[in-house]
Amino acid sequence: MKTFDTLSKTMTYLQEQGYTNDFNLHSGHIESNALKLKIHPEDFDVDEMHRFEGMSSTDDNSVLYAISSKTGIKGLLVDAYGVYAENISEAMRKKLK
């Protein structure tokens, strides 16, 4: 797994590897608005995870997930952690660990 200094460089690299959909995190699933698709924890795998920590503020922390669904849909999920982290189900928490 390659590592990069910035979130944007990592996203660009992963998009070039086929992770072209944008996922949004919800309590019990991830969702692609463009595809009008909800994917539950048992239906996707986290292929890569990259953590980024802000130099000046802990509010700038984020995690980038490269995700592939059981049906072959690949995309990225960017999630803030710390103070702004979403309340998610236990199944989602385990999957995104």
C-alpha atoms as a PDB file:
ATOM      1  CA  MET A   1       0.000   0.000   0.000  1.00  0.00           C
ATOM      2  CA  LYS A   2       1.406   3.369  -1.024  1.00  0.00           C
ATOM      3  CA  THR A   3       1.379   6.265   1.405  1.00  0.00           C
ATOM      4  CA  PHE A   4       1.078   9.953   0.601  1.00  0.00           C
ATOM      5  CA  ASP A   5       1.506  13.179   2.555  1.00  0.00           C
ATOM      6  CA  THR A   6      -1.927  14.612   1.816  1.00  0.00           C
ATOM      7  CA  LEU A   7      -5.512  13.494   1.596  1.00  0.00           C
ATOM      8  CA  SER A   8      -5.895  14.954  -1.903  1.00  0.00           C
ATOM      9  CA  LYS A   9      -2.848  13.110  -3.298  1.00  0.00           C
ATOM     10  CA  THR A  10      -4.076   9.850  -1.807  1.00  0.00           C
ATOM     11  CA  MET A  11      -7.558  10.372  -3.221  1.00  0.00           C
ATOM     12  CA  THR A  12      -6.146  11.090  -6.690  1.00  0.00           C
ATOM     13  CA  TYR A  13      -4.041   7.927  -6.599  1.00  0.00           C
ATOM     14  CA  LEU A  14      -6.963   5.753  -5.445  1.00  0.00           C
ATOM     15  CA  GLN A  15      -9.276   7.248  -8.074  1.00  0.00           C
ATOM     16  CA  GLU A  16      -6.696   6.250 -10.692  1.00  0.00           C
ATOM     17  CA  GLN A  17      -6.917   2.713  -9.246  1.00  0.00           C
ATOM     18  CA  GLY A  18     -10.672   2.611  -9.917  1.00  0.00           C
ATOM     19  CA  TYR A  19     -12.146   3.977  -6.666  1.00  0.00           C
ATOM     20  CA  THR A  20     -14.275   6.510  -8.508  1.00  0.00           C
ATOM     21  CA  ASN A  21     -17.518   6.646  -6.517  1.00  0.00           C
ATOM     22  CA  ASP A  22     -18.076   8.924  -3.533  1.00  0.00           C
ATOM     23  CA  PHE A  23     -19.583   7.275  -0.473  1.00  0.00           C
ATOM     24  CA  ASN A  24     -21.284   8.995   2.451  1.00  0.00           C
ATOM     25  CA  LEU A  25     -21.389   7.474   5.922  1.00  0.00           C
ATOM     26  CA  HIS A  26     -24.728   6.836   7.605  1.00  0.00           C
ATOM     27  CA  SER A  27     -25.533   5.080  10.864  1.00  0.00           C
ATOM     28  CA  GLY A  28     -25.948   1.574   9.437  1.00  0.00           C
ATOM     29  CA  HIS A  29     -24.684   1.818   5.851  1.00  0.00           C
ATOM     30  CA  ILE A  30     -22.665   3.770   3.322  1.00  0.00           C
ATOM     31  CA  GLU A  31     -24.423   5.456   0.443  1.00  0.00           C
ATOM     32  CA  SER A  32     -23.643   6.636  -3.067  1.00  0.00           C
ATOM     33  CA  ASN A  33     -25.978   9.485  -3.959  1.00  0.00           C
ATOM     34  CA  ALA A  34     -24.923   9.371  -7.618  1.00  0.00           C
ATOM     35  CA  LEU A  35     -25.822   5.677  -7.893  1.00  0.00           C
ATOM     36  CA  LYS A  36     -28.788   5.938  -5.503  1.00  0.00           C
ATOM     37  CA  LEU A  37     -27.311   2.963  -3.667  1.00  0.00           C
ATOM     38  CA  LYS A  38     -27.063   1.937  -0.014  1.00  0.00           C
ATOM     39  CA  ILE A  39     -24.442  -0.636   0.946  1.00  0.00           C
ATOM     40  CA  HIS A  40     -24.582  -2.354   4.333  1.00  0.00           C
ATOM     41  CA  PRO A  41     -21.486  -3.522   6.271  1.00  0.00           C
ATOM     42  CA  GLU A  42     -21.816  -7.157   5.216  1.00  0.00           C
ATOM     43  CA  ASP A  43     -21.847  -6.103   1.540  1.00  0.00           C
ATOM     44  CA  PHE A  44     -18.526  -4.231   1.322  1.00  0.00           C
ATOM     45  CA  ASP A  45     -14.847  -4.544   2.199  1.00  0.00           C
ATOM     46  CA  VAL A  46     -12.337  -1.896   3.208  1.00  0.00           C
ATOM     47  CA  ASP A  47      -9.391  -2.412   0.864  1.00  0.00           C
ATOM     48  CA  GLU A  48      -7.236   0.410   2.251  1.00  0.00           C
ATOM     49  CA  MET A  49      -7.395   2.919   5.089  1.00  0.00           C
ATOM     50  CA  HIS A  50      -5.318   6.098   5.376  1.00  0.00           C
ATOM     51  CA  ARG A  51      -5.264   8.416   8.419  1.00  0.00           C
ATOM     52  CA  PHE A  52      -4.437  12.098   8.192  1.00  0.00           C
ATOM     53  CA  GLU A  53      -3.824  14.345  11.169  1.00  0.00           C
ATOM     54  CA  GLY A  54      -3.853  18.120  10.933  1.00  0.00           C
ATOM     55  CA  MET A  55      -0.679  19.885  11.976  1.00  0.00           C
ATOM     56  CA  SER A  56      -2.359  22.866  13.590  1.00  0.00           C
ATOM     57  CA  SER A  57      -5.632  21.476  14.901  1.00  0.00           C
ATOM     58  CA  THR A  58      -7.052  18.130  15.973  1.00  0.00           C
ATOM     59  CA  ASP A  59     -10.247  19.247  14.195  1.00  0.00           C
ATOM     60  CA  ASP A  60      -8.436  18.550  10.896  1.00  0.00           C
ATOM     61  CA  ASN A  61      -8.204  14.784  11.472  1.00  0.00           C
ATOM     62  CA  SER A  62      -9.717  12.478   8.864  1.00  0.00           C
ATOM     63  CA  VAL A  63      -9.687   8.907   7.618  1.00  0.00           C
ATOM     64  CA  LEU A  64      -9.883   7.891   3.955  1.00  0.00           C
ATOM     65  CA  TYR A  65     -11.322   4.464   3.160  1.00  0.00           C
ATOM     66  CA  ALA A  66     -10.961   2.715  -0.213  1.00  0.00           C
ATOM     67  CA  ILE A  67     -14.061   0.516  -0.382  1.00  0.00           C
ATOM     68  CA  SER A  68     -15.240  -2.186  -2.749  1.00  0.00           C
ATOM     69  CA  SER A  69     -18.703  -3.697  -2.667  1.00  0.00           C
ATOM     70  CA  LYS A  70     -19.476  -7.387  -3.156  1.00  0.00           C
ATOM     71  CA  THR A  71     -20.957  -6.374  -6.544  1.00  0.00           C
ATOM     72  CA  GLY A  72     -17.729  -4.688  -7.706  1.00  0.00           C
ATOM     73  CA  ILE A  73     -18.534  -1.020  -7.054  1.00  0.00           C
ATOM     74  CA  LYS A  74     -15.449   0.820  -5.828  1.00  0.00           C
ATOM     75  CA  GLY A  75     -15.300   4.192  -4.153  1.00  0.00           C
ATOM     76  CA  LEU A  76     -13.939   6.423  -1.427  1.00  0.00           C
ATOM     77  CA  LEU A  77     -15.297   7.391   1.949  1.00  0.00           C
ATOM     78  CA  VAL A  78     -13.766  10.334   3.815  1.00  0.00           C
ATOM     79  CA  ASP A  79     -14.698  10.502   7.470  1.00  0.00           C
ATOM     80  CA  ALA A  80     -13.721  13.016  10.117  1.00  0.00           C
ATOM     81  CA  TYR A  81     -12.891  11.515  13.465  1.00  0.00           C
ATOM     82  CA  GLY A  82     -12.648  12.907  16.920  1.00  0.00           C
ATOM     83  CA  VAL A  83     -15.108  15.634  17.851  1.00  0.00           C
ATOM     84  CA  TYR A  84     -17.014  15.484  14.552  1.00  0.00           C
ATOM     85  CA  ALA A  85     -17.168  11.692  14.139  1.00  0.00           C
ATOM     86  CA  GLU A  86     -20.578  10.325  13.167  1.00  0.00           C
ATOM     87  CA  ASN A  87     -22.665   8.158  15.465  1.00  0.00           C
ATOM     88  CA  ILE A  88     -22.654   4.827  13.656  1.00  0.00           C
ATOM     89  CA  SER A  89     -23.921   1.330  14.337  1.00  0.00           C
ATOM     90  CA  GLU A  90     -21.690  -1.257  15.969  1.00  0.00           C
ATOM     91  CA  ALA A  91     -21.552  -3.227  12.697  1.00  0.00           C
ATOM     92  CA  MET A  92     -20.285  -0.145  10.840  1.00  0.00           C
ATOM     93  CA  ARG A  93     -17.800   0.636  13.608  1.00  0.00           C
ATOM     94  CA  LYS A  94     -16.347  -2.893  13.364  1.00  0.00           C
ATOM     95  CA  LYS A  95     -16.183  -2.763   9.568  1.00  0.00           C
ATOM     96  CA  LEU A  96     -14.386   0.610   9.528  1.00  0.00           C
ATOM     97  CA  LYS A  97     -11.958  -0.288  12.319  1.00  0.00           C
END
